[in-house]
Amino acid sequence: MESQCPKCSEEMTAGHIRDMGLNSGVLTWSEGEAEKNTLGNIKAARVRYSIEALRCPKCGLVEMFALKRAY
């Protein structure tokens, strides 16, 4: 994924945002409101998308996209 920064027109750099929770991995996006289990933890949704990010090296703007389905 390539993109120019909408703020300053610099070429953005691809990356990811890491989930620092118990199941450390890449963040995911799920449709709908989060549901919690009996322990208060958020249940894993059936349909999830990995969050990819682009960062501008000049101004630091970060854009996130959820394009690829996560399994």
PDB file of N, CA and C in Angstrom:
ATOM      1  N   MET A   1       0.844  -1.163   0.000  1.00  0.00           N
ATOM      2  CA  MET A   1       0.000   0.000   0.000  1.00  0.00           C
ATOM      3  C   MET A   1       0.899   1.238   0.000  1.00  0.00           C
ATOM      4  N   GLU A   2       0.726   2.065  -0.974  1.00  0.00           N
ATOM      5  CA  GLU A   2       1.513   3.291  -1.068  1.00  0.00           C
ATOM      6  C   GLU A   2       0.579   4.484  -1.010  1.00  0.00           C
ATOM      7  N   SER A   3       1.033   5.536  -0.380  1.00  0.00           N
ATOM      8  CA  SER A   3       0.195   6.712  -0.259  1.00  0.00           C
ATOM      9  C   SER A   3       1.040   7.938   0.042  1.00  0.00           C
ATOM     10  N   GLN A   4       0.525   9.063  -0.368  1.00  0.00           N
ATOM     11  CA  GLN A   4       1.145  10.329  -0.009  1.00  0.00           C
ATOM     12  C   GLN A   4       0.380  10.894   1.177  1.00  0.00           C
ATOM     13  N   CYS A   5       1.090  11.543   2.062  1.00  0.00           N
ATOM     14  CA  CYS A   5       0.488  12.144   3.237  1.00  0.00           C
ATOM     15  C   CYS A   5      -0.524  13.214   2.810  1.00  0.00           C
ATOM     16  N   PRO A   6      -1.757  13.153   3.321  1.00  0.00           N
ATOM     17  CA  PRO A   6      -2.749  14.165   2.961  1.00  0.00           C
ATOM     18  C   PRO A   6      -2.462  15.519   3.596  1.00  0.00           C
ATOM     19  N   LYS A   7      -1.553  15.540   4.565  1.00  0.00           N
ATOM     20  CA  LYS A   7      -1.221  16.772   5.268  1.00  0.00           C
ATOM     21  C   LYS A   7      -0.071  17.525   4.613  1.00  0.00           C
ATOM     22  N   CYS A   8       1.019  16.783   4.228  1.00  0.00           N
ATOM     23  CA  CYS A   8       2.206  17.487   3.715  1.00  0.00           C
ATOM     24  C   CYS A   8       2.729  16.909   2.390  1.00  0.00           C
ATOM     25  N   SER A   9       2.051  15.907   1.828  1.00  0.00           N
ATOM     26  CA  SER A   9       2.364  15.300   0.526  1.00  0.00           C
ATOM     27  C   SER A   9       3.640  14.455   0.493  1.00  0.00           C
ATOM     28  N   GLU A  10       4.249  14.189   1.649  1.00  0.00           N
ATOM     29  CA  GLU A  10       5.427  13.309   1.726  1.00  0.00           C
ATOM     30  C   GLU A  10       4.982  11.856   1.505  1.00  0.00           C
ATOM     31  N   GLU A  11       5.859  11.015   0.948  1.00  0.00           N
ATOM     32  CA  GLU A  11       5.556   9.590   0.764  1.00  0.00           C
ATOM     33  C   GLU A  11       5.501   8.922   2.138  1.00  0.00           C
ATOM     34  N   MET A  12       4.409   8.189   2.417  1.00  0.00           N
ATOM     35  CA  MET A  12       4.226   7.564   3.725  1.00  0.00           C
ATOM     36  C   MET A  12       4.893   6.191   3.777  1.00  0.00           C
ATOM     37  N   THR A  13       5.255   5.752   4.982  1.00  0.00           N
ATOM     38  CA  THR A  13       5.936   4.487   5.207  1.00  0.00           C
ATOM     39  C   THR A  13       4.952   3.485   5.799  1.00  0.00           C
ATOM     40  N   ALA A  14       4.907   2.255   5.241  1.00  0.00           N
ATOM     41  CA  ALA A  14       4.004   1.210   5.724  1.00  0.00           C
ATOM     42  C   ALA A  14       4.522   0.611   7.022  1.00  0.00           C
ATOM     43  N   GLY A  15       3.609   0.191   7.888  1.00  0.00           N
ATOM     44  CA  GLY A  15       3.973  -0.450   9.142  1.00  0.00           C
ATOM     45  C   GLY A  15       2.752  -1.080   9.782  1.00  0.00           C
ATOM     46  N   HIS A  16       2.822  -1.372  11.067  1.00  0.00           N
ATOM     47  CA  HIS A  16       1.700  -1.948  11.792  1.00  0.00           C
ATOM     48  C   HIS A  16       1.700  -1.394  13.217  1.00  0.00           C
ATOM     49  N   ILE A  17       0.586  -1.595  13.910  1.00  0.00           N
ATOM     50  CA  ILE A  17       0.466  -1.171  15.296  1.00  0.00           C
ATOM     51  C   ILE A  17       0.314  -2.431  16.132  1.00  0.00           C
ATOM     52  N   ARG A  18       1.231  -2.645  17.042  1.00  0.00           N
ATOM     53  CA  ARG A  18       1.265  -3.880  17.819  1.00  0.00           C
ATOM     54  C   ARG A  18       0.328  -3.802  19.012  1.00  0.00           C
ATOM     55  N   ASP A  19      -0.397  -4.877  19.246  1.00  0.00           N
ATOM     56  CA  ASP A  19      -1.250  -5.018  20.419  1.00  0.00           C
ATOM     57  C   ASP A  19      -0.360  -5.441  21.578  1.00  0.00           C
ATOM     58  N   MET A  20      -0.288  -4.647  22.623  1.00  0.00           N
ATOM     59  CA  MET A  20       0.585  -4.953  23.753  1.00  0.00           C
ATOM     60  C   MET A  20      -0.151  -5.692  24.874  1.00  0.00           C
ATOM     61  N   GLY A  21      -1.326  -6.255  24.579  1.00  0.00           N
ATOM     62  CA  GLY A  21      -2.096  -6.987  25.586  1.00  0.00           C
ATOM     63  C   GLY A  21      -1.545  -8.377  25.823  1.00  0.00           C
ATOM     64  N   LEU A  22      -2.339  -9.213  26.474  1.00  0.00           N
ATOM     65  CA  LEU A  22      -1.921 -10.570  26.816  1.00  0.00           C
ATOM     66  C   LEU A  22      -1.615 -11.427  25.595  1.00  0.00           C
ATOM     67  N   ASN A  23      -2.363 -11.218  24.520  1.00  0.00           N
ATOM     68  CA  ASN A  23      -2.179 -12.010  23.302  1.00  0.00           C
ATOM     69  C   ASN A  23      -1.340 -11.263  22.285  1.00  0.00           C
ATOM     70  N   SER A  24      -0.350 -10.538  22.719  1.00  0.00           N
ATOM     71  CA  SER A  24       0.464  -9.662  21.872  1.00  0.00           C
ATOM     72  C   SER A  24       0.485 -10.079  20.406  1.00  0.00           C
ATOM     73  N   GLY A  25       0.045  -9.200  19.576  1.00  0.00           N
ATOM     74  CA  GLY A  25      -0.011  -9.419  18.134  1.00  0.00           C
ATOM     75  C   GLY A  25      -0.336  -8.101  17.467  1.00  0.00           C
ATOM     76  N   VAL A  26      -0.816  -8.168  16.253  1.00  0.00           N
ATOM     77  CA  VAL A  26      -1.201  -6.976  15.516  1.00  0.00           C
ATOM     78  C   VAL A  26      -2.653  -6.649  15.861  1.00  0.00           C
ATOM     79  N   LEU A  27      -2.979  -5.384  15.982  1.00  0.00           N
ATOM     80  CA  LEU A  27      -4.348  -4.970  16.261  1.00  0.00           C
ATOM     81  C   LEU A  27      -5.289  -5.448  15.169  1.00  0.00           C
ATOM     82  N   THR A  28      -6.539  -5.703  15.541  1.00  0.00           N
ATOM     83  CA  THR A  28      -7.552  -6.081  14.566  1.00  0.00           C
ATOM     84  C   THR A  28      -8.781  -5.206  14.745  1.00  0.00           C
ATOM     85  N   TRP A  29      -9.581  -5.109  13.687  1.00  0.00           N
ATOM     86  CA  TRP A  29     -10.831  -4.372  13.688  1.00  0.00           C
ATOM     87  C   TRP A  29     -11.955  -5.383  13.580  1.00  0.00           C
ATOM     88  N   SER A  30     -13.017  -5.188  14.375  1.00  0.00           N
ATOM     89  CA  SER A  30     -14.191  -6.060  14.330  1.00  0.00           C
ATOM     90  C   SER A  30     -15.437  -5.194  14.232  1.00  0.00           C
ATOM     91  N   GLU A  31     -16.395  -5.621  13.434  1.00  0.00           N
ATOM     92  CA  GLU A  31     -17.632  -4.862  13.264  1.00  0.00           C
ATOM     93  C   GLU A  31     -18.512  -4.987  14.506  1.00  0.00           C
ATOM     94  N   GLY A  32     -19.226  -3.936  14.836  1.00  0.00           N
ATOM     95  CA  GLY A  32     -20.182  -3.957  15.937  1.00  0.00           C
ATOM     96  C   GLY A  32     -19.551  -3.604  17.272  1.00  0.00           C
ATOM     97  N   GLU A  33     -20.395  -3.580  18.301  1.00  0.00           N
ATOM     98  CA  GLU A  33     -19.924  -3.255  19.645  1.00  0.00           C
ATOM     99  C   GLU A  33     -19.196  -4.437  20.261  1.00  0.00           C
ATOM    100  N   ALA A  34     -18.238  -4.158  21.124  1.00  0.00           N
ATOM    101  CA  ALA A  34     -17.482  -5.205  21.795  1.00  0.00           C
ATOM    102  C   ALA A  34     -18.371  -5.894  22.832  1.00  0.00           C
ATOM    103  N   GLU A  35     -18.317  -7.226  22.855  1.00  0.00           N
ATOM    104  CA  GLU A  35     -19.049  -8.006  23.852  1.00  0.00           C
ATOM    105  C   GLU A  35     -18.037  -8.576  24.836  1.00  0.00           C
ATOM    106  N   LYS A  36     -18.402  -8.600  26.111  1.00  0.00           N
ATOM    107  CA  LYS A  36     -17.494  -9.118  27.132  1.00  0.00           C
ATOM    108  C   LYS A  36     -17.969 -10.481  27.638  1.00  0.00           C
ATOM    109  N   ASN A  37     -16.999 -11.316  28.039  1.00  0.00           N
ATOM    110  CA  ASN A  37     -17.342 -12.607  28.625  1.00  0.00           C
ATOM    111  C   ASN A  37     -17.553 -12.432  30.126  1.00  0.00           C
ATOM    112  N   THR A  38     -17.755 -13.522  30.847  1.00  0.00           N
ATOM    113  CA  THR A  38     -18.040 -13.451  32.282  1.00  0.00           C
ATOM    114  C   THR A  38     -16.875 -12.887  33.097  1.00  0.00           C
ATOM    115  N   LEU A  39     -15.650 -12.965  32.567  1.00  0.00           N
ATOM    116  CA  LEU A  39     -14.486 -12.421  33.267  1.00  0.00           C
ATOM    117  C   LEU A  39     -14.242 -10.949  32.943  1.00  0.00           C
ATOM    118  N   GLY A  40     -15.043 -10.391  32.035  1.00  0.00           N
ATOM    119  CA  GLY A  40     -14.896  -8.995  31.657  1.00  0.00           C
ATOM    120  C   GLY A  40     -13.973  -8.756  30.480  1.00  0.00           C
ATOM    121  N   ASN A  41     -13.452  -9.843  29.891  1.00  0.00           N
ATOM    122  CA  ASN A  41     -12.584  -9.720  28.709  1.00  0.00           C
ATOM    123  C   ASN A  41     -13.443  -9.633  27.453  1.00  0.00           C
ATOM    124  N   ILE A  42     -12.947  -8.931  26.457  1.00  0.00           N
ATOM    125  CA  ILE A  42     -13.683  -8.797  25.200  1.00  0.00           C
ATOM    126  C   ILE A  42     -13.612 -10.107  24.424  1.00  0.00           C
ATOM    127  N   LYS A  43     -14.778 -10.572  23.974  1.00  0.00           N
ATOM    128  CA  LYS A  43     -14.840 -11.808  23.187  1.00  0.00           C
ATOM    129  C   LYS A  43     -14.252 -11.566  21.805  1.00  0.00           C
ATOM    130  N   ALA A  44     -13.612 -12.590  21.254  1.00  0.00           N
ATOM    131  CA  ALA A  44     -13.065 -12.486  19.896  1.00  0.00           C
ATOM    132  C   ALA A  44     -14.206 -12.582  18.891  1.00  0.00           C
ATOM    133  N   ALA A  45     -14.268 -11.629  17.985  1.00  0.00           N
ATOM    134  CA  ALA A  45     -15.300 -11.636  16.949  1.00  0.00           C
ATOM    135  C   ALA A  45     -14.956 -12.659  15.877  1.00  0.00           C
ATOM    136  N   ARG A  46     -15.963 -13.143  15.186  1.00  0.00           N
ATOM    137  CA  ARG A  46     -15.737 -14.133  14.124  1.00  0.00           C
ATOM    138  C   ARG A  46     -15.075 -13.520  12.906  1.00  0.00           C
ATOM    139  N   VAL A  47     -15.458 -12.314  12.579  1.00  0.00           N
ATOM    140  CA  VAL A  47     -14.869 -11.647  11.415  1.00  0.00           C
ATOM    141  C   VAL A  47     -13.983 -10.515  11.929  1.00  0.00           C
ATOM    142  N   ARG A  48     -12.690 -10.626  11.635  1.00  0.00           N
ATOM    143  CA  ARG A  48     -11.726  -9.614  12.070  1.00  0.00           C
ATOM    144  C   ARG A  48     -10.823  -9.240  10.896  1.00  0.00           C
ATOM    145  N   TYR A  49     -10.345  -8.013  10.924  1.00  0.00           N
ATOM    146  CA  TYR A  49      -9.424  -7.520   9.899  1.00  0.00           C
ATOM    147  C   TYR A  49      -8.169  -6.988  10.581  1.00  0.00           C
ATOM    148  N   SER A  50      -7.009  -7.342  10.045  1.00  0.00           N
ATOM    149  CA  SER A  50      -5.745  -6.810  10.567  1.00  0.00           C
ATOM    150  C   SER A  50      -5.658  -5.328  10.255  1.00  0.00           C
ATOM    151  N   ILE A  51      -5.154  -4.568  11.201  1.00  0.00           N
ATOM    152  CA  ILE A  51      -4.992  -3.133  10.983  1.00  0.00           C
ATOM    153  C   ILE A  51      -3.581  -2.872  10.469  1.00  0.00           C
ATOM    154  N   GLU A  52      -3.513  -2.252   9.300  1.00  0.00           N
ATOM    155  CA  GLU A  52      -2.245  -1.835   8.716  1.00  0.00           C
ATOM    156  C   GLU A  52      -2.161  -0.321   8.863  1.00  0.00           C
ATOM    157  N   ALA A  53      -0.965   0.187   8.959  1.00  0.00           N
ATOM    158  CA  ALA A  53      -0.805   1.624   9.180  1.00  0.00           C
ATOM    159  C   ALA A  53       0.232   2.216   8.238  1.00  0.00           C
ATOM    160  N   LEU A  54       0.023   3.465   7.891  1.00  0.00           N
ATOM    161  CA  LEU A  54       0.987   4.250   7.135  1.00  0.00           C
ATOM    162  C   LEU A  54       1.374   5.439   8.008  1.00  0.00           C
ATOM    163  N   ARG A  55       2.666   5.754   8.039  1.00  0.00           N
ATOM    164  CA  ARG A  55       3.161   6.886   8.835  1.00  0.00           C
ATOM    165  C   ARG A  55       3.977   7.812   7.965  1.00  0.00           C
ATOM    166  N   CYS A  56       3.723   9.092   8.119  1.00  0.00           N
ATOM    167  CA  CYS A  56       4.482  10.100   7.392  1.00  0.00           C
ATOM    168  C   CYS A  56       5.777  10.380   8.155  1.00  0.00           C
ATOM    169  N   PRO A  57       6.944  10.213   7.502  1.00  0.00           N
ATOM    170  CA  PRO A  57       8.208  10.471   8.186  1.00  0.00           C
ATOM    171  C   PRO A  57       8.473  11.963   8.413  1.00  0.00           C
ATOM    172  N   LYS A  58       7.748  12.818   7.703  1.00  0.00           N
ATOM    173  CA  LYS A  58       7.972  14.258   7.828  1.00  0.00           C
ATOM    174  C   LYS A  58       7.141  14.874   8.963  1.00  0.00           C
ATOM    175  N   CYS A  59       5.821  14.636   8.968  1.00  0.00           N
ATOM    176  CA  CYS A  59       4.960  15.277   9.966  1.00  0.00           C
ATOM    177  C   CYS A  59       4.436  14.317  11.032  1.00  0.00           C
ATOM    178  N   GLY A  60       4.638  12.995  10.850  1.00  0.00           N
ATOM    179  CA  GLY A  60       4.243  12.019  11.858  1.00  0.00           C
ATOM    180  C   GLY A  60       2.796  11.559  11.796  1.00  0.00           C
ATOM    181  N   LEU A  61       2.027  12.034  10.823  1.00  0.00           N
ATOM    182  CA  LEU A  61       0.636  11.600  10.695  1.00  0.00           C
ATOM    183  C   LEU A  61       0.580  10.093  10.484  1.00  0.00           C
ATOM    184  N   VAL A  62      -0.351   9.406  11.167  1.00  0.00           N
ATOM    185  CA  VAL A  62      -0.548   7.969  10.997  1.00  0.00           C
ATOM    186  C   VAL A  62      -1.970   7.743  10.498  1.00  0.00           C
ATOM    187  N   GLU A  63      -2.100   6.953   9.419  1.00  0.00           N
ATOM    188  CA  GLU A  63      -3.400   6.539   8.902  1.00  0.00           C
ATOM    189  C   GLU A  63      -3.494   5.035   9.064  1.00  0.00           C
ATOM    190  N   MET A  64      -4.673   4.542   9.490  1.00  0.00           N
ATOM    191  CA  MET A  64      -4.864   3.100   9.673  1.00  0.00           C
ATOM    192  C   MET A  64      -5.903   2.580   8.692  1.00  0.00           C
ATOM    193  N   PHE A  65      -5.673   1.343   8.223  1.00  0.00           N
ATOM    194  CA  PHE A  65      -6.565   0.692   7.271  1.00  0.00           C
ATOM    195  C   PHE A  65      -6.825  -0.740   7.715  1.00  0.00           C
ATOM    196  N   ALA A  66      -8.051  -1.214   7.553  1.00  0.00           N
ATOM    197  CA  ALA A  66      -8.405  -2.590   7.873  1.00  0.00           C
ATOM    198  C   ALA A  66      -8.861  -3.259   6.565  1.00  0.00           C
ATOM    199  N   LEU A  67      -7.885  -3.769   5.801  1.00  0.00           N
ATOM    200  CA  LEU A  67      -8.164  -4.299   4.471  1.00  0.00           C
ATOM    201  C   LEU A  67      -8.104  -5.810   4.373  1.00  0.00           C
ATOM    202  N   LYS A  68      -7.213  -6.456   5.154  1.00  0.00           N
ATOM    203  CA  LYS A  68      -7.009  -7.903   5.045  1.00  0.00           C
ATOM    204  C   LYS A  68      -7.684  -8.621   6.204  1.00  0.00           C
ATOM    205  N   ARG A  69      -8.436  -9.657   5.864  1.00  0.00           N
ATOM    206  CA  ARG A  69      -9.126 -10.437   6.895  1.00  0.00           C
ATOM    207  C   ARG A  69      -8.099 -11.193   7.743  1.00  0.00           C
ATOM    208  N   ALA A  70      -8.270 -11.145   9.053  1.00  0.00           N
ATOM    209  CA  ALA A  70      -7.380 -11.851   9.991  1.00  0.00           C
ATOM    210  C   ALA A  70      -8.073 -13.141  10.407  1.00  0.00           C
ATOM    211  N   TYR A  71      -7.296 -14.187  10.578  1.00  0.00           N
ATOM    212  CA  TYR A  71      -7.887 -15.474  10.972  1.00  0.00           C
ATOM    213  C   TYR A  71      -7.387 -15.921  12.301  1.00  0.00           C
TER     214      TYR A  71
END
